[in-house]
Amino acid sequence: MMPPRLRLVLVLLLVVFNFVLLGSLLLGDRKDPDETAASESVFSGAMLPAGIRAPDFRLRDEDGAPVTMAGLRGEVVLATFVYSTCDESCGPQLQLIRRALDELGRDIPTLAISADPRTDTAARARRFLLEQRMLGRTRFLLGDADAMSPVYKGFFVQPQTAETEHHARLVLIDRRGFQRVGYTLANTSSAGIAADIRRLQAGS
């Protein structure tokens, strides 16, 4: 026959085990709040992998003025990729940006990076921005193929070629120079972009 003291110990161990098991079942599906916050995006666009800096560059805009990524540090920047002879996606890209800036209520540094250095010239770039009613609100960045190559690589963008259509995408860059949110024409809205700009400006 089992001694009373040993029986009591076994009963207590069984009670503790049941509590632990019940607690595991009740809490098993709950996530740590910090882990949940990190995994659930607060942005309208697609969050990009952490730690990817926008490539540094030194290009010139449609007026010949130099533009560097380092010179824009401290501001939220919107970048897109277009070319001046485009008759498909490029116009809608800039119109989406124009509506987003209108909804934001003020302009931010906005870069239209040449996706086709073979054909883009300063005159064509100015005309394109004028046609899209974005002259003065967007800087069209130009450079030769050698200057543009690391820019495309750093933004993970396919430029326009004779065989391949360029990537029609937009990227939001935070104040520290990191690429944070990406968009395609199919997965975003001007209101969503404006809201994401506000979140980044607020320090998200």
N, C-alpha and C. Protein backbone atom coordinates (compact mmCIF):
# COMPACT_ATOMS: atom_id res chain seq x y z
N MET A 1 0.85 -1.19 0.00
CA MET A 1 0.00 0.00 0.00
C MET A 1 0.89 1.25 0.00
N MET A 2 0.52 2.29 -0.80
CA MET A 2 1.33 3.50 -0.94
C MET A 2 1.23 4.34 0.34
N PRO A 3 2.36 4.79 0.86
CA PRO A 3 2.34 5.65 2.05
C PRO A 3 1.55 6.93 1.80
N PRO A 4 0.82 7.43 2.79
CA PRO A 4 0.00 8.64 2.61
C PRO A 4 0.79 9.84 2.11
N ARG A 5 2.03 10.01 2.67
CA ARG A 5 2.82 11.17 2.26
C ARG A 5 3.19 11.11 0.78
N LEU A 6 3.56 9.92 0.27
CA LEU A 6 3.91 9.76 -1.14
C LEU A 6 2.69 9.98 -2.02
N ARG A 7 1.52 9.50 -1.52
CA ARG A 7 0.30 9.70 -2.30
C ARG A 7 0.00 11.19 -2.43
N LEU A 8 0.20 11.95 -1.34
CA LEU A 8 -0.06 13.39 -1.37
C LEU A 8 0.87 14.08 -2.36
N VAL A 9 2.14 13.70 -2.36
CA VAL A 9 3.10 14.30 -3.29
C VAL A 9 2.69 14.03 -4.73
N LEU A 10 2.28 12.80 -5.02
CA LEU A 10 1.87 12.46 -6.39
C LEU A 10 0.64 13.24 -6.82
N VAL A 11 -0.31 13.41 -5.89
CA VAL A 11 -1.52 14.19 -6.21
C VAL A 11 -1.16 15.64 -6.53
N LEU A 12 -0.26 16.23 -5.70
CA LEU A 12 0.14 17.61 -5.93
C LEU A 12 0.86 17.76 -7.27
N LEU A 13 1.73 16.81 -7.60
CA LEU A 13 2.43 16.84 -8.88
C LEU A 13 1.44 16.76 -10.04
N LEU A 14 0.42 15.93 -9.90
CA LEU A 14 -0.59 15.78 -10.95
C LEU A 14 -1.36 17.07 -11.14
N VAL A 15 -1.69 17.74 -10.00
CA VAL A 15 -2.43 19.01 -10.09
C VAL A 15 -1.57 20.07 -10.81
N VAL A 16 -0.30 20.16 -10.42
CA VAL A 16 0.60 21.12 -11.07
C VAL A 16 0.72 20.83 -12.56
N PHE A 17 0.88 19.56 -12.92
CA PHE A 17 0.99 19.19 -14.33
C PHE A 17 -0.25 19.60 -15.12
N ASN A 18 -1.43 19.38 -14.53
CA ASN A 18 -2.68 19.75 -15.22
C ASN A 18 -2.78 21.25 -15.43
N PHE A 19 -2.32 22.02 -14.42
CA PHE A 19 -2.34 23.48 -14.58
C PHE A 19 -1.41 23.93 -15.71
N VAL A 20 -0.24 23.33 -15.72
CA VAL A 20 0.72 23.68 -16.77
C VAL A 20 0.17 23.32 -18.15
N LEU A 21 -0.41 22.14 -18.27
CA LEU A 21 -0.97 21.70 -19.54
C LEU A 21 -2.11 22.61 -19.98
N LEU A 22 -2.99 22.96 -19.03
CA LEU A 22 -4.11 23.85 -19.36
C LEU A 22 -3.60 25.22 -19.81
N GLY A 23 -2.60 25.73 -19.09
CA GLY A 23 -2.04 27.01 -19.48
C GLY A 23 -1.44 26.98 -20.86
N SER A 24 -0.76 25.90 -21.21
CA SER A 24 -0.17 25.76 -22.54
C SER A 24 -1.24 25.74 -23.62
N LEU A 25 -2.34 25.05 -23.33
CA LEU A 25 -3.42 24.98 -24.33
C LEU A 25 -4.08 26.33 -24.53
N LEU A 26 -4.26 27.06 -23.41
CA LEU A 26 -4.93 28.36 -23.52
C LEU A 26 -4.06 29.42 -24.16
N LEU A 27 -2.75 29.35 -23.92
CA LEU A 27 -1.84 30.39 -24.40
C LEU A 27 -1.09 30.00 -25.64
N GLY A 28 -1.25 28.78 -26.08
CA GLY A 28 -0.44 28.28 -27.20
C GLY A 28 -0.63 29.06 -28.47
N ASP A 29 -1.86 29.57 -28.72
CA ASP A 29 -2.13 30.29 -29.96
C ASP A 29 -1.88 31.78 -29.83
N ARG A 30 -1.49 32.22 -28.64
CA ARG A 30 -1.25 33.65 -28.45
C ARG A 30 0.18 33.98 -28.79
N LYS A 31 0.38 35.09 -29.48
CA LYS A 31 1.71 35.53 -29.87
C LYS A 31 2.18 36.63 -28.95
N ASP A 32 3.47 36.72 -28.81
CA ASP A 32 4.06 37.82 -28.08
C ASP A 32 3.65 39.13 -28.76
N PRO A 33 3.22 40.15 -27.99
CA PRO A 33 2.76 41.40 -28.62
C PRO A 33 3.78 42.01 -29.55
N ASP A 34 5.07 41.99 -29.15
CA ASP A 34 6.09 42.57 -30.02
C ASP A 34 6.22 41.78 -31.30
N GLU A 35 6.13 40.44 -31.18
CA GLU A 35 6.23 39.59 -32.36
C GLU A 35 5.06 39.83 -33.29
N THR A 36 3.86 39.99 -32.70
CA THR A 36 2.67 40.25 -33.52
C THR A 36 2.80 41.59 -34.23
N ALA A 37 3.25 42.60 -33.49
CA ALA A 37 3.39 43.93 -34.10
C ALA A 37 4.38 43.90 -35.26
N ALA A 38 5.45 43.12 -35.10
CA ALA A 38 6.47 43.06 -36.15
C ALA A 38 5.98 42.33 -37.37
N SER A 39 5.09 41.34 -37.16
CA SER A 39 4.68 40.50 -38.28
C SER A 39 3.51 41.09 -39.07
N GLU A 40 2.75 42.00 -38.44
CA GLU A 40 1.59 42.55 -39.10
C GLU A 40 1.94 43.95 -39.64
N SER A 41 1.88 44.11 -40.94
CA SER A 41 2.28 45.38 -41.55
C SER A 41 1.21 46.43 -41.30
N VAL A 42 1.68 47.63 -40.96
CA VAL A 42 0.76 48.75 -40.79
C VAL A 42 0.67 49.56 -42.08
N PHE A 43 1.42 49.15 -43.10
CA PHE A 43 1.47 49.91 -44.34
C PHE A 43 0.50 49.37 -45.37
N SER A 44 0.05 50.28 -46.22
CA SER A 44 -0.84 49.90 -47.31
C SER A 44 -0.10 49.12 -48.40
N GLY A 45 1.13 49.54 -48.69
CA GLY A 45 1.95 48.85 -49.68
C GLY A 45 2.64 47.64 -49.09
N ALA A 46 3.48 47.01 -49.90
CA ALA A 46 4.20 45.82 -49.45
C ALA A 46 5.46 46.23 -48.71
N MET A 47 5.60 45.77 -47.46
CA MET A 47 6.81 46.06 -46.70
C MET A 47 7.98 45.34 -47.32
N LEU A 48 9.08 46.05 -47.46
CA LEU A 48 10.29 45.47 -48.03
C LEU A 48 11.16 44.89 -46.93
N PRO A 49 12.03 43.93 -47.25
CA PRO A 49 12.90 43.35 -46.22
C PRO A 49 13.68 44.43 -45.48
N ALA A 50 13.84 44.22 -44.18
CA ALA A 50 14.51 45.23 -43.35
C ALA A 50 15.98 45.39 -43.74
N GLY A 51 16.47 46.61 -43.62
CA GLY A 51 17.90 46.87 -43.77
C GLY A 51 18.40 47.10 -45.17
N ILE A 52 17.50 47.28 -46.14
CA ILE A 52 17.94 47.52 -47.52
C ILE A 52 18.00 49.03 -47.77
N ARG A 53 19.19 49.55 -47.87
CA ARG A 53 19.34 50.98 -48.13
C ARG A 53 19.04 51.30 -49.59
N ALA A 54 18.54 52.48 -49.81
CA ALA A 54 18.44 52.96 -51.19
C ALA A 54 19.86 53.19 -51.69
N PRO A 55 20.15 52.81 -52.93
CA PRO A 55 21.52 52.97 -53.43
C PRO A 55 21.91 54.43 -53.50
N ASP A 56 23.14 54.72 -53.10
CA ASP A 56 23.60 56.09 -53.24
C ASP A 56 23.92 56.34 -54.71
N PHE A 57 23.69 57.54 -55.16
CA PHE A 57 23.95 57.86 -56.56
C PHE A 57 24.22 59.35 -56.68
N ARG A 58 24.75 59.72 -57.80
CA ARG A 58 24.89 61.14 -58.15
C ARG A 58 24.44 61.26 -59.59
N LEU A 59 23.21 61.74 -59.77
CA LEU A 59 22.63 61.90 -61.09
C LEU A 59 22.24 63.37 -61.28
N ARG A 60 21.73 63.69 -62.44
CA ARG A 60 21.27 65.05 -62.71
C ARG A 60 19.81 65.03 -63.10
N ASP A 61 19.10 66.10 -62.71
CA ASP A 61 17.69 66.16 -63.05
C ASP A 61 17.48 66.82 -64.40
N GLU A 62 16.23 67.04 -64.76
CA GLU A 62 15.90 67.58 -66.08
C GLU A 62 16.45 68.98 -66.32
N ASP A 63 16.85 69.68 -65.24
CA ASP A 63 17.44 71.01 -65.38
C ASP A 63 18.96 70.98 -65.27
N GLY A 64 19.52 69.78 -65.15
CA GLY A 64 20.97 69.66 -65.04
C GLY A 64 21.49 69.79 -63.62
N ALA A 65 20.61 69.94 -62.64
CA ALA A 65 21.04 70.08 -61.24
C ALA A 65 21.38 68.71 -60.66
N PRO A 66 22.48 68.61 -59.88
CA PRO A 66 22.85 67.32 -59.31
C PRO A 66 21.89 66.87 -58.21
N VAL A 67 21.67 65.58 -58.15
CA VAL A 67 20.83 64.98 -57.11
C VAL A 67 21.57 63.76 -56.56
N THR A 68 21.66 63.68 -55.24
CA THR A 68 22.26 62.50 -54.61
C THR A 68 21.29 61.94 -53.58
N MET A 69 21.39 60.63 -53.37
CA MET A 69 20.55 60.02 -52.34
C MET A 69 20.97 60.52 -50.97
N ALA A 70 22.27 60.69 -50.77
CA ALA A 70 22.76 61.18 -49.48
C ALA A 70 22.21 62.56 -49.16
N GLY A 71 22.02 63.39 -50.21
CA GLY A 71 21.52 64.74 -50.01
C GLY A 71 20.06 64.78 -49.59
N LEU A 72 19.36 63.65 -49.74
CA LEU A 72 17.95 63.59 -49.38
C LEU A 72 17.73 62.94 -48.02
N ARG A 73 18.84 62.54 -47.37
CA ARG A 73 18.73 61.91 -46.06
C ARG A 73 18.04 62.84 -45.09
N GLY A 74 17.16 62.29 -44.28
CA GLY A 74 16.40 63.10 -43.33
C GLY A 74 14.99 63.39 -43.80
N GLU A 75 14.68 63.01 -45.04
CA GLU A 75 13.34 63.21 -45.59
C GLU A 75 12.78 61.89 -46.11
N VAL A 76 11.47 61.75 -46.06
CA VAL A 76 10.82 60.62 -46.71
C VAL A 76 10.78 60.90 -48.21
N VAL A 77 11.22 59.94 -49.00
CA VAL A 77 11.36 60.13 -50.45
C VAL A 77 10.52 59.10 -51.18
N LEU A 78 9.87 59.54 -52.24
CA LEU A 78 9.12 58.64 -53.12
C LEU A 78 9.85 58.53 -54.44
N ALA A 79 10.19 57.30 -54.84
CA ALA A 79 10.91 57.09 -56.10
C ALA A 79 10.11 56.18 -57.01
N THR A 80 10.17 56.47 -58.30
CA THR A 80 9.54 55.60 -59.29
C THR A 80 10.45 55.55 -60.51
N PHE A 81 10.12 54.69 -61.46
CA PHE A 81 10.98 54.46 -62.62
C PHE A 81 10.14 54.60 -63.89
N VAL A 82 10.52 55.57 -64.71
CA VAL A 82 9.77 55.88 -65.92
C VAL A 82 10.75 56.21 -67.03
N TYR A 83 10.24 56.34 -68.24
CA TYR A 83 11.07 56.87 -69.32
C TYR A 83 10.22 57.78 -70.19
N SER A 84 10.86 58.74 -70.81
CA SER A 84 10.17 59.87 -71.42
C SER A 84 9.38 59.53 -72.67
N THR A 85 9.69 58.41 -73.32
CA THR A 85 8.94 58.03 -74.53
C THR A 85 7.92 56.94 -74.24
N CYS A 86 7.69 56.66 -72.98
CA CYS A 86 6.74 55.61 -72.56
C CYS A 86 5.32 56.05 -72.88
N ASP A 87 4.53 55.12 -73.42
CA ASP A 87 3.14 55.46 -73.71
C ASP A 87 2.18 54.48 -73.03
N GLU A 88 2.67 53.76 -72.01
CA GLU A 88 1.80 52.81 -71.31
C GLU A 88 1.74 53.11 -69.82
N SER A 89 2.61 52.50 -69.03
CA SER A 89 2.48 52.58 -67.57
C SER A 89 3.02 53.86 -66.96
N CYS A 90 3.93 54.56 -67.63
CA CYS A 90 4.62 55.68 -66.98
C CYS A 90 3.69 56.84 -66.64
N GLY A 91 2.79 57.19 -67.54
CA GLY A 91 1.83 58.25 -67.26
C GLY A 91 0.97 57.92 -66.05
N PRO A 92 0.34 56.73 -66.03
CA PRO A 92 -0.44 56.36 -64.84
C PRO A 92 0.37 56.36 -63.55
N GLN A 93 1.66 56.00 -63.62
CA GLN A 93 2.50 56.04 -62.42
C GLN A 93 2.57 57.46 -61.86
N LEU A 94 2.85 58.41 -62.73
CA LEU A 94 2.99 59.79 -62.27
C LEU A 94 1.65 60.38 -61.83
N GLN A 95 0.57 59.97 -62.47
CA GLN A 95 -0.75 60.46 -62.05
C GLN A 95 -1.13 59.90 -60.68
N LEU A 96 -0.75 58.65 -60.42
CA LEU A 96 -0.97 58.07 -59.10
C LEU A 96 -0.20 58.86 -58.04
N ILE A 97 1.04 59.20 -58.36
CA ILE A 97 1.85 59.99 -57.43
C ILE A 97 1.26 61.38 -57.24
N ARG A 98 0.82 62.01 -58.33
CA ARG A 98 0.24 63.35 -58.23
C ARG A 98 -0.97 63.35 -57.31
N ARG A 99 -1.84 62.35 -57.44
CA ARG A 99 -3.02 62.26 -56.57
C ARG A 99 -2.60 62.01 -55.12
N ALA A 100 -1.56 61.18 -54.92
CA ALA A 100 -1.10 60.90 -53.56
C ALA A 100 -0.57 62.18 -52.90
N LEU A 101 0.20 62.96 -53.65
CA LEU A 101 0.72 64.22 -53.09
C LEU A 101 -0.41 65.20 -52.81
N ASP A 102 -1.41 65.22 -53.69
CA ASP A 102 -2.57 66.08 -53.46
C ASP A 102 -3.28 65.68 -52.17
N GLU A 103 -3.44 64.36 -51.97
CA GLU A 103 -4.12 63.88 -50.76
C GLU A 103 -3.27 64.13 -49.52
N LEU A 104 -1.97 64.06 -49.67
CA LEU A 104 -1.08 64.34 -48.55
C LEU A 104 -1.17 65.81 -48.15
N GLY A 105 -1.41 66.67 -49.12
CA GLY A 105 -1.56 68.09 -48.85
C GLY A 105 -0.28 68.89 -48.98
N ARG A 106 0.82 68.22 -49.29
CA ARG A 106 2.10 68.90 -49.52
C ARG A 106 3.02 67.94 -50.26
N ASP A 107 3.97 68.50 -50.97
CA ASP A 107 4.89 67.68 -51.73
C ASP A 107 6.02 67.16 -50.85
N ILE A 108 6.55 66.01 -51.22
CA ILE A 108 7.76 65.47 -50.63
C ILE A 108 8.75 65.25 -51.76
N PRO A 109 10.03 65.04 -51.49
CA PRO A 109 10.97 64.75 -52.58
C PRO A 109 10.51 63.54 -53.38
N THR A 110 10.28 63.74 -54.66
CA THR A 110 9.77 62.69 -55.53
C THR A 110 10.69 62.56 -56.73
N LEU A 111 11.16 61.35 -56.96
CA LEU A 111 12.14 61.10 -58.00
C LEU A 111 11.56 60.20 -59.08
N ALA A 112 11.58 60.66 -60.32
CA ALA A 112 11.24 59.83 -61.47
C ALA A 112 12.57 59.43 -62.10
N ILE A 113 13.02 58.23 -61.81
CA ILE A 113 14.35 57.79 -62.24
C ILE A 113 14.25 57.19 -63.64
N SER A 114 15.10 57.64 -64.51
CA SER A 114 15.06 57.19 -65.89
C SER A 114 15.20 55.67 -65.99
N ALA A 115 14.24 55.05 -66.64
CA ALA A 115 14.29 53.61 -66.86
C ALA A 115 14.90 53.26 -68.21
N ASP A 116 15.21 54.30 -69.01
CA ASP A 116 15.78 54.05 -70.34
C ASP A 116 16.79 55.13 -70.69
N PRO A 117 18.02 55.01 -70.18
CA PRO A 117 19.03 56.03 -70.45
C PRO A 117 19.42 56.13 -71.92
N ARG A 118 19.03 55.15 -72.74
CA ARG A 118 19.35 55.20 -74.17
C ARG A 118 18.58 56.30 -74.88
N THR A 119 17.38 56.59 -74.39
CA THR A 119 16.52 57.54 -75.10
C THR A 119 16.17 58.79 -74.29
N ASP A 120 16.30 58.73 -72.97
CA ASP A 120 15.91 59.89 -72.15
C ASP A 120 16.94 61.01 -72.27
N THR A 121 16.44 62.19 -72.54
CA THR A 121 17.26 63.40 -72.56
C THR A 121 16.61 64.43 -71.65
N ALA A 122 17.33 65.48 -71.33
CA ALA A 122 16.78 66.53 -70.47
C ALA A 122 15.54 67.16 -71.09
N ALA A 123 15.59 67.42 -72.38
CA ALA A 123 14.44 68.05 -73.06
C ALA A 123 13.22 67.13 -73.04
N ARG A 124 13.44 65.86 -73.33
CA ARG A 124 12.33 64.91 -73.30
C ARG A 124 11.77 64.75 -71.89
N ALA A 125 12.67 64.74 -70.90
CA ALA A 125 12.23 64.59 -69.51
C ALA A 125 11.36 65.78 -69.09
N ARG A 126 11.77 66.98 -69.41
CA ARG A 126 10.97 68.16 -69.07
C ARG A 126 9.61 68.11 -69.75
N ARG A 127 9.61 67.75 -71.02
CA ARG A 127 8.34 67.68 -71.75
C ARG A 127 7.41 66.63 -71.13
N PHE A 128 7.99 65.49 -70.76
CA PHE A 128 7.19 64.43 -70.16
C PHE A 128 6.57 64.89 -68.84
N LEU A 129 7.38 65.54 -67.98
CA LEU A 129 6.85 66.02 -66.71
C LEU A 129 5.79 67.09 -66.92
N LEU A 130 5.99 67.94 -67.92
CA LEU A 130 5.01 68.98 -68.22
C LEU A 130 3.70 68.36 -68.68
N GLU A 131 3.78 67.36 -69.54
CA GLU A 131 2.56 66.68 -70.02
C GLU A 131 1.80 66.02 -68.87
N GLN A 132 2.53 65.53 -67.88
CA GLN A 132 1.90 64.85 -66.75
C GLN A 132 1.53 65.81 -65.61
N ARG A 133 1.73 67.11 -65.84
CA ARG A 133 1.46 68.13 -64.83
C ARG A 133 2.24 67.87 -63.55
N MET A 134 3.48 67.40 -63.72
CA MET A 134 4.34 67.11 -62.57
C MET A 134 5.65 67.89 -62.62
N LEU A 135 5.80 68.80 -63.56
CA LEU A 135 6.99 69.63 -63.62
C LEU A 135 7.02 70.53 -62.39
N GLY A 136 8.11 70.48 -61.65
CA GLY A 136 8.22 71.23 -60.41
C GLY A 136 7.83 70.43 -59.19
N ARG A 137 7.17 69.30 -59.39
CA ARG A 137 6.79 68.45 -58.25
C ARG A 137 7.60 67.16 -58.23
N THR A 138 8.18 66.81 -59.35
CA THR A 138 8.98 65.59 -59.48
C THR A 138 10.27 65.93 -60.20
N ARG A 139 11.36 65.33 -59.77
CA ARG A 139 12.64 65.52 -60.46
C ARG A 139 12.91 64.26 -61.28
N PHE A 140 13.13 64.45 -62.57
CA PHE A 140 13.41 63.35 -63.48
C PHE A 140 14.92 63.14 -63.50
N LEU A 141 15.38 62.03 -62.95
CA LEU A 141 16.82 61.80 -62.80
C LEU A 141 17.39 61.07 -64.01
N LEU A 142 18.49 61.63 -64.52
CA LEU A 142 19.08 61.15 -65.77
C LEU A 142 20.54 60.77 -65.56
N GLY A 143 21.00 59.85 -66.39
CA GLY A 143 22.40 59.44 -66.37
C GLY A 143 22.64 58.45 -67.49
N ASP A 144 23.91 58.18 -67.77
CA ASP A 144 24.19 57.19 -68.81
C ASP A 144 24.04 55.78 -68.24
N ALA A 145 24.20 54.79 -69.10
CA ALA A 145 23.97 53.41 -68.70
C ALA A 145 24.87 53.00 -67.53
N ASP A 146 26.12 53.44 -67.54
CA ASP A 146 27.04 53.09 -66.47
C ASP A 146 26.61 53.68 -65.13
N ALA A 147 26.12 54.91 -65.16
CA ALA A 147 25.68 55.55 -63.92
C ALA A 147 24.38 54.94 -63.40
N MET A 148 23.52 54.51 -64.31
CA MET A 148 22.22 54.00 -63.92
C MET A 148 22.27 52.54 -63.45
N SER A 149 23.23 51.78 -63.93
CA SER A 149 23.26 50.35 -63.63
C SER A 149 23.23 50.04 -62.13
N PRO A 150 24.07 50.67 -61.30
CA PRO A 150 23.99 50.37 -59.86
C PRO A 150 22.70 50.86 -59.22
N VAL A 151 22.07 51.86 -59.81
CA VAL A 151 20.79 52.34 -59.29
C VAL A 151 19.72 51.26 -59.50
N TYR A 152 19.67 50.71 -60.71
CA TYR A 152 18.71 49.63 -60.98
C TYR A 152 18.95 48.44 -60.06
N LYS A 153 20.22 48.10 -59.91
CA LYS A 153 20.56 46.95 -59.07
C LYS A 153 20.16 47.19 -57.63
N GLY A 154 20.42 48.38 -57.12
CA GLY A 154 20.11 48.70 -55.73
C GLY A 154 18.63 48.77 -55.44
N PHE A 155 17.82 49.12 -56.46
CA PHE A 155 16.37 49.18 -56.28
C PHE A 155 15.68 47.91 -56.79
N PHE A 156 16.47 46.95 -57.28
CA PHE A 156 15.93 45.68 -57.79
C PHE A 156 14.92 45.92 -58.92
N VAL A 157 15.34 46.75 -59.87
CA VAL A 157 14.45 47.16 -60.97
C VAL A 157 15.03 46.71 -62.30
N GLN A 158 14.18 46.19 -63.15
CA GLN A 158 14.54 45.87 -64.53
C GLN A 158 14.31 47.12 -65.38
N PRO A 159 15.35 47.67 -66.01
CA PRO A 159 15.14 48.85 -66.86
C PRO A 159 14.49 48.48 -68.18
N GLN A 160 14.13 49.48 -68.92
CA GLN A 160 13.56 49.27 -70.25
C GLN A 160 14.65 48.84 -71.23
N THR A 161 14.38 47.79 -71.97
CA THR A 161 15.29 47.38 -73.04
C THR A 161 14.48 47.11 -74.30
N ALA A 162 15.18 46.80 -75.36
CA ALA A 162 14.48 46.49 -76.62
C ALA A 162 13.63 45.24 -76.48
N GLU A 163 14.02 44.35 -75.56
CA GLU A 163 13.30 43.08 -75.41
C GLU A 163 12.40 43.03 -74.18
N THR A 164 12.66 43.87 -73.17
CA THR A 164 11.99 43.73 -71.88
C THR A 164 11.39 45.04 -71.42
N GLU A 165 10.14 44.98 -70.96
CA GLU A 165 9.47 46.15 -70.39
C GLU A 165 10.01 46.40 -68.98
N HIS A 166 10.18 47.67 -68.62
CA HIS A 166 10.73 48.00 -67.30
C HIS A 166 9.74 47.68 -66.19
N HIS A 167 10.25 47.58 -64.97
CA HIS A 167 9.41 47.37 -63.80
C HIS A 167 8.70 48.66 -63.43
N ALA A 168 7.40 48.66 -63.51
CA ALA A 168 6.61 49.82 -63.14
C ALA A 168 6.32 49.74 -61.64
N ARG A 169 7.23 50.25 -60.84
CA ARG A 169 7.06 50.17 -59.39
C ARG A 169 7.42 51.48 -58.73
N LEU A 170 6.90 51.64 -57.52
CA LEU A 170 7.18 52.82 -56.71
C LEU A 170 7.77 52.35 -55.39
N VAL A 171 8.63 53.16 -54.80
CA VAL A 171 9.28 52.81 -53.55
C VAL A 171 9.27 54.01 -52.61
N LEU A 172 8.91 53.78 -51.35
CA LEU A 172 9.04 54.80 -50.32
C LEU A 172 10.32 54.55 -49.54
N ILE A 173 11.11 55.60 -49.36
CA ILE A 173 12.39 55.53 -48.66
C ILE A 173 12.26 56.37 -47.40
N ASP A 174 12.65 55.80 -46.26
CA ASP A 174 12.47 56.53 -45.00
C ASP A 174 13.58 57.55 -44.77
N ARG A 175 13.50 58.26 -43.67
CA ARG A 175 14.43 59.36 -43.37
C ARG A 175 15.87 58.89 -43.25
N ARG A 176 16.06 57.62 -42.89
CA ARG A 176 17.42 57.09 -42.72
C ARG A 176 18.00 56.54 -44.02
N GLY A 177 17.20 56.59 -45.09
CA GLY A 177 17.69 56.13 -46.38
C GLY A 177 17.42 54.66 -46.65
N PHE A 178 16.51 54.04 -45.89
CA PHE A 178 16.17 52.64 -46.11
C PHE A 178 14.91 52.53 -46.98
N GLN A 179 14.92 51.56 -47.90
CA GLN A 179 13.73 51.26 -48.69
C GLN A 179 12.74 50.55 -47.76
N ARG A 180 11.53 51.10 -47.65
CA ARG A 180 10.60 50.55 -46.67
C ARG A 180 9.35 49.93 -47.27
N VAL A 181 8.76 50.60 -48.28
CA VAL A 181 7.48 50.13 -48.81
C VAL A 181 7.53 50.16 -50.33
N GLY A 182 7.03 49.11 -50.96
CA GLY A 182 7.00 49.03 -52.42
C GLY A 182 5.58 48.91 -52.94
N TYR A 183 5.38 49.39 -54.16
CA TYR A 183 4.05 49.36 -54.77
C TYR A 183 4.17 49.00 -56.25
N THR A 184 3.13 48.38 -56.75
CA THR A 184 2.93 48.28 -58.19
C THR A 184 1.61 48.98 -58.50
N LEU A 185 1.39 49.27 -59.76
CA LEU A 185 0.14 49.96 -60.12
C LEU A 185 -1.08 49.13 -59.76
N ALA A 186 -0.91 47.82 -59.72
CA ALA A 186 -2.05 46.94 -59.48
C ALA A 186 -2.41 46.81 -58.01
N ASN A 187 -1.49 47.15 -57.10
CA ASN A 187 -1.76 46.83 -55.70
C ASN A 187 -1.81 48.03 -54.77
N THR A 188 -2.11 49.20 -55.32
CA THR A 188 -2.11 50.36 -54.42
C THR A 188 -3.12 51.41 -54.86
N SER A 189 -3.22 52.44 -54.04
CA SER A 189 -4.08 53.59 -54.34
C SER A 189 -3.36 54.84 -53.87
N SER A 190 -3.79 55.98 -54.36
CA SER A 190 -3.17 57.24 -53.95
C SER A 190 -3.38 57.47 -52.46
N ALA A 191 -4.56 57.10 -51.95
CA ALA A 191 -4.83 57.27 -50.52
C ALA A 191 -3.91 56.40 -49.69
N GLY A 192 -3.65 55.18 -50.16
CA GLY A 192 -2.75 54.29 -49.44
C GLY A 192 -1.34 54.81 -49.39
N ILE A 193 -0.85 55.36 -50.52
CA ILE A 193 0.49 55.93 -50.55
C ILE A 193 0.59 57.13 -49.61
N ALA A 194 -0.42 58.00 -49.64
CA ALA A 194 -0.41 59.19 -48.77
C ALA A 194 -0.39 58.76 -47.30
N ALA A 195 -1.18 57.75 -46.96
CA ALA A 195 -1.21 57.27 -45.58
C ALA A 195 0.14 56.69 -45.16
N ASP A 196 0.78 55.97 -46.07
CA ASP A 196 2.09 55.38 -45.76
C ASP A 196 3.16 56.46 -45.59
N ILE A 197 3.09 57.51 -46.40
CA ILE A 197 4.03 58.62 -46.23
C ILE A 197 3.87 59.23 -44.84
N ARG A 198 2.63 59.44 -44.41
CA ARG A 198 2.40 60.00 -43.08
C ARG A 198 2.98 59.10 -42.00
N ARG A 199 2.82 57.79 -42.15
CA ARG A 199 3.34 56.86 -41.14
C ARG A 199 4.86 56.96 -41.06
N LEU A 200 5.51 57.02 -42.22
CA LEU A 200 6.97 57.13 -42.20
C LEU A 200 7.43 58.47 -41.65
N GLN A 201 6.69 59.53 -41.98
CA GLN A 201 7.05 60.84 -41.45
C GLN A 201 6.87 60.90 -39.93
N ALA A 202 5.93 60.09 -39.43
CA ALA A 202 5.70 60.05 -37.99
C ALA A 202 6.68 59.14 -37.27
N GLY A 203 7.52 58.44 -38.04
CA GLY A 203 8.54 57.62 -37.43
C GLY A 203 8.27 56.14 -37.39
N SER A 204 7.27 55.65 -38.16
CA SER A 204 6.97 54.21 -38.17
C SER A 204 8.11 53.44 -38.79
